[in-house]
Amino acid sequence: FLSVKRESGHVTVADLPATLAKNKRFSEKLTEEEIAAFLGETYPNTEEEIDFEAYLR
């Protein structure tokens, strides 16, 4: 989360699939496309900024 935020100043839902796919726990179970599909169902506005506290939950 922090590395993505450092690059652009904020983190959006659209940033998460690539970031989560690099995480071993996620990559063992889901592809980047599957993560994007799940997030797209939950957060239809992929340009929505993610709050760090909400991200941790």
N, C-alpha and C. Protein backbone atom coordinates (compact mmCIF):
# COMPACT_ATOMS: atom_id res chain seq x y z
N PHE A 1 0.83 -1.19 0.00
CA PHE A 1 0.00 0.00 0.00
C PHE A 1 0.87 1.24 0.00
N LEU A 2 1.83 1.29 0.90
CA LEU A 2 2.66 2.48 1.01
C LEU A 2 3.53 2.70 -0.22
N SER A 3 4.04 1.63 -0.82
CA SER A 3 4.87 1.81 -2.02
C SER A 3 4.05 2.35 -3.18
N VAL A 4 2.81 1.90 -3.33
CA VAL A 4 1.94 2.43 -4.39
C VAL A 4 1.61 3.89 -4.10
N LYS A 5 1.35 4.20 -2.84
CA LYS A 5 1.01 5.57 -2.46
C LYS A 5 2.19 6.50 -2.73
N ARG A 6 3.41 6.04 -2.47
CA ARG A 6 4.59 6.87 -2.71
C ARG A 6 4.74 7.21 -4.18
N GLU A 7 4.38 6.29 -5.05
CA GLU A 7 4.52 6.51 -6.49
C GLU A 7 3.58 7.57 -7.01
N SER A 8 2.32 7.57 -6.56
CA SER A 8 1.33 8.48 -7.13
C SER A 8 0.72 9.46 -6.14
N GLY A 9 1.00 9.31 -4.87
CA GLY A 9 0.43 10.18 -3.86
C GLY A 9 -0.88 9.69 -3.27
N HIS A 10 -1.49 8.72 -3.92
CA HIS A 10 -2.73 8.12 -3.43
C HIS A 10 -2.87 6.72 -4.01
N VAL A 11 -3.78 5.97 -3.47
CA VAL A 11 -4.03 4.61 -3.95
C VAL A 11 -5.50 4.52 -4.34
N THR A 12 -5.75 4.00 -5.53
CA THR A 12 -7.12 3.80 -5.98
C THR A 12 -7.42 2.31 -6.06
N VAL A 13 -8.67 1.98 -6.20
CA VAL A 13 -9.08 0.58 -6.35
C VAL A 13 -8.38 -0.04 -7.56
N ALA A 14 -8.20 0.74 -8.61
CA ALA A 14 -7.55 0.24 -9.83
C ALA A 14 -6.10 -0.16 -9.59
N ASP A 15 -5.45 0.41 -8.56
CA ASP A 15 -4.06 0.08 -8.25
C ASP A 15 -3.93 -1.27 -7.55
N LEU A 16 -4.98 -1.72 -6.91
CA LEU A 16 -4.88 -2.89 -6.04
C LEU A 16 -4.64 -4.23 -6.74
N PRO A 17 -5.27 -4.56 -7.87
CA PRO A 17 -5.06 -5.90 -8.44
C PRO A 17 -3.58 -6.23 -8.69
N ALA A 18 -2.85 -5.32 -9.30
CA ALA A 18 -1.43 -5.59 -9.58
C ALA A 18 -0.63 -5.70 -8.29
N THR A 19 -0.97 -4.86 -7.32
CA THR A 19 -0.27 -4.88 -6.04
C THR A 19 -0.57 -6.16 -5.27
N LEU A 20 -1.83 -6.54 -5.20
CA LEU A 20 -2.21 -7.75 -4.47
C LEU A 20 -1.69 -9.01 -5.16
N ALA A 21 -1.61 -9.01 -6.47
CA ALA A 21 -1.11 -10.17 -7.21
C ALA A 21 0.36 -10.44 -6.90
N LYS A 22 1.08 -9.43 -6.44
CA LYS A 22 2.49 -9.61 -6.06
C LYS A 22 2.62 -10.23 -4.67
N ASN A 23 1.54 -10.23 -3.90
CA ASN A 23 1.53 -10.80 -2.57
C ASN A 23 1.39 -12.31 -2.70
N LYS A 24 2.27 -13.05 -2.06
CA LYS A 24 2.29 -14.50 -2.20
C LYS A 24 0.96 -15.15 -1.81
N ARG A 25 0.34 -14.69 -0.76
CA ARG A 25 -0.93 -15.29 -0.32
C ARG A 25 -2.03 -15.14 -1.37
N PHE A 26 -2.06 -13.99 -2.04
CA PHE A 26 -3.06 -13.78 -3.08
C PHE A 26 -2.68 -14.52 -4.35
N SER A 27 -1.42 -14.44 -4.75
CA SER A 27 -1.01 -15.02 -6.03
C SER A 27 -1.10 -16.54 -6.04
N GLU A 28 -1.05 -17.17 -4.88
CA GLU A 28 -1.20 -18.63 -4.83
C GLU A 28 -2.64 -19.05 -5.10
N LYS A 29 -3.59 -18.16 -4.86
CA LYS A 29 -5.01 -18.50 -4.98
C LYS A 29 -5.71 -17.84 -6.16
N LEU A 30 -5.32 -16.59 -6.49
CA LEU A 30 -6.04 -15.81 -7.49
C LEU A 30 -5.09 -15.17 -8.49
N THR A 31 -5.57 -15.01 -9.71
CA THR A 31 -4.80 -14.27 -10.71
C THR A 31 -5.12 -12.78 -10.56
N GLU A 32 -4.32 -11.95 -11.19
CA GLU A 32 -4.57 -10.51 -11.16
C GLU A 32 -5.95 -10.19 -11.74
N GLU A 33 -6.34 -10.92 -12.78
CA GLU A 33 -7.64 -10.71 -13.41
C GLU A 33 -8.79 -11.07 -12.46
N GLU A 34 -8.62 -12.16 -11.71
CA GLU A 34 -9.65 -12.56 -10.74
C GLU A 34 -9.77 -11.54 -9.61
N ILE A 35 -8.64 -11.02 -9.17
CA ILE A 35 -8.65 -9.98 -8.13
C ILE A 35 -9.36 -8.74 -8.66
N ALA A 36 -9.05 -8.35 -9.89
CA ALA A 36 -9.68 -7.17 -10.50
C ALA A 36 -11.19 -7.37 -10.63
N ALA A 37 -11.61 -8.57 -11.01
CA ALA A 37 -13.04 -8.85 -11.16
C ALA A 37 -13.76 -8.75 -9.81
N PHE A 38 -13.17 -9.32 -8.78
CA PHE A 38 -13.76 -9.26 -7.44
C PHE A 38 -13.86 -7.81 -6.96
N LEU A 39 -12.79 -7.06 -7.11
CA LEU A 39 -12.81 -5.66 -6.67
C LEU A 39 -13.79 -4.84 -7.50
N GLY A 40 -13.91 -5.15 -8.78
CA GLY A 40 -14.84 -4.45 -9.65
C GLY A 40 -16.29 -4.64 -9.23
N GLU A 41 -16.59 -5.81 -8.68
CA GLU A 41 -17.95 -6.07 -8.18
C GLU A 41 -18.21 -5.30 -6.90
N THR A 42 -17.19 -5.21 -6.06
CA THR A 42 -17.33 -4.54 -4.77
C THR A 42 -17.23 -3.03 -4.89
N TYR A 43 -16.33 -2.57 -5.75
CA TYR A 43 -16.08 -1.13 -5.94
C TYR A 43 -16.23 -0.80 -7.42
N PRO A 44 -17.43 -0.47 -7.88
CA PRO A 44 -17.63 -0.19 -9.31
C PRO A 44 -16.82 1.00 -9.81
N ASN A 45 -16.54 1.97 -8.95
CA ASN A 45 -15.73 3.13 -9.33
C ASN A 45 -14.28 2.82 -9.00
N THR A 46 -13.53 2.34 -9.99
CA THR A 46 -12.15 1.92 -9.74
C THR A 46 -11.19 3.08 -9.51
N GLU A 47 -11.65 4.30 -9.75
CA GLU A 47 -10.80 5.46 -9.49
C GLU A 47 -11.01 6.01 -8.07
N GLU A 48 -11.83 5.33 -7.29
CA GLU A 48 -12.07 5.73 -5.90
C GLU A 48 -10.79 5.55 -5.09
N GLU A 49 -10.44 6.55 -4.29
CA GLU A 49 -9.26 6.45 -3.46
C GLU A 49 -9.54 5.53 -2.28
N ILE A 50 -8.51 4.79 -1.89
CA ILE A 50 -8.62 3.85 -0.78
C ILE A 50 -8.07 4.50 0.48
N ASP A 51 -8.85 4.44 1.55
CA ASP A 51 -8.42 4.90 2.86
C ASP A 51 -7.56 3.80 3.49
N PHE A 52 -6.41 4.17 4.05
CA PHE A 52 -5.48 3.18 4.59
C PHE A 52 -6.13 2.32 5.67
N GLU A 53 -6.88 2.92 6.58
CA GLU A 53 -7.53 2.15 7.64
C GLU A 53 -8.52 1.14 7.06
N ALA A 54 -9.28 1.55 6.07
CA ALA A 54 -10.22 0.64 5.41
C ALA A 54 -9.48 -0.48 4.69
N TYR A 55 -8.34 -0.15 4.10
CA TYR A 55 -7.52 -1.14 3.40
C TYR A 55 -7.07 -2.24 4.36
N LEU A 56 -6.71 -1.86 5.57
CA LEU A 56 -6.23 -2.84 6.54
C LEU A 56 -7.33 -3.80 7.00
N ARG A 57 -8.56 -3.36 6.95
CA ARG A 57 -9.67 -4.22 7.37
C ARG A 57 -9.93 -5.24 6.31
